[in-house]
Amino acid sequence: MSDTNETSESTSDGIGEDKNVDQRLYELEYAKRYYFEASYNLELKIELLAEIAGVMNLKPLVEHMILRLPFSKAQLIQDLLASFLFTKKGYFVEFGASDGKIVSNTYYLEKELGWDGILAEPSLKWIESLENNRNCNIEKGCVYSQSDLLVSFKETEDGLLSTISDYADSDLHADLRRQSVEYEV
């Protein structure tokens, strides 16, 4: 028996490929680190992009992103990925736009690249700042599976974790929503 903590168990990723449990744990830790720690940390974003580029042949993408990182408002640099993949002006749709700048996946696309689009944000907390920060179409209603339906909405104190009440307990942020204000949108 080895003194190391190596694991030989494998799991299926759902498409027929087996992955070592250690690999799964690494991927989970990587995702947590990227999602929670890199969201607002430019140096860590650069470090993680460099790590990705070293593992895969993504050098053109990483170079594109590194040059534009100071302009990105997106939490996980989705705006820079879109600007790399779609080189012509596009049309964006963003649900949960908050103030239109904070963790916005589309601010850079609109302000720096001239894209047009629509933002959806039902939270009363954000409407005024959203209208001041953006020039695109803004939908103040809640995007839901049915049209013309009022849904119960939970607005959190910081506003960023607000959601439809039916989904408020379905993720890692459920505890933070317990003190939210609830109203119909």
Foldseek 3Di string as FASTA:
>chain_A
DDPDPAFADWDDPPPPDIDGVVVVVVVVVLVCCLQPPVQPPLVVLLVVLVVVVVVDVCVVLSVQCNVCVVVDQARNQLLSVCCVVDVAAEEDEEELCALVRHNHSCLCSCPVVPHAYEYEDQDPNRPVSNVVSDDHHYHNDHDDPDPPDKFKKWAFPVRNLIDGPVCLCPDPCNVRRPPTDIDID
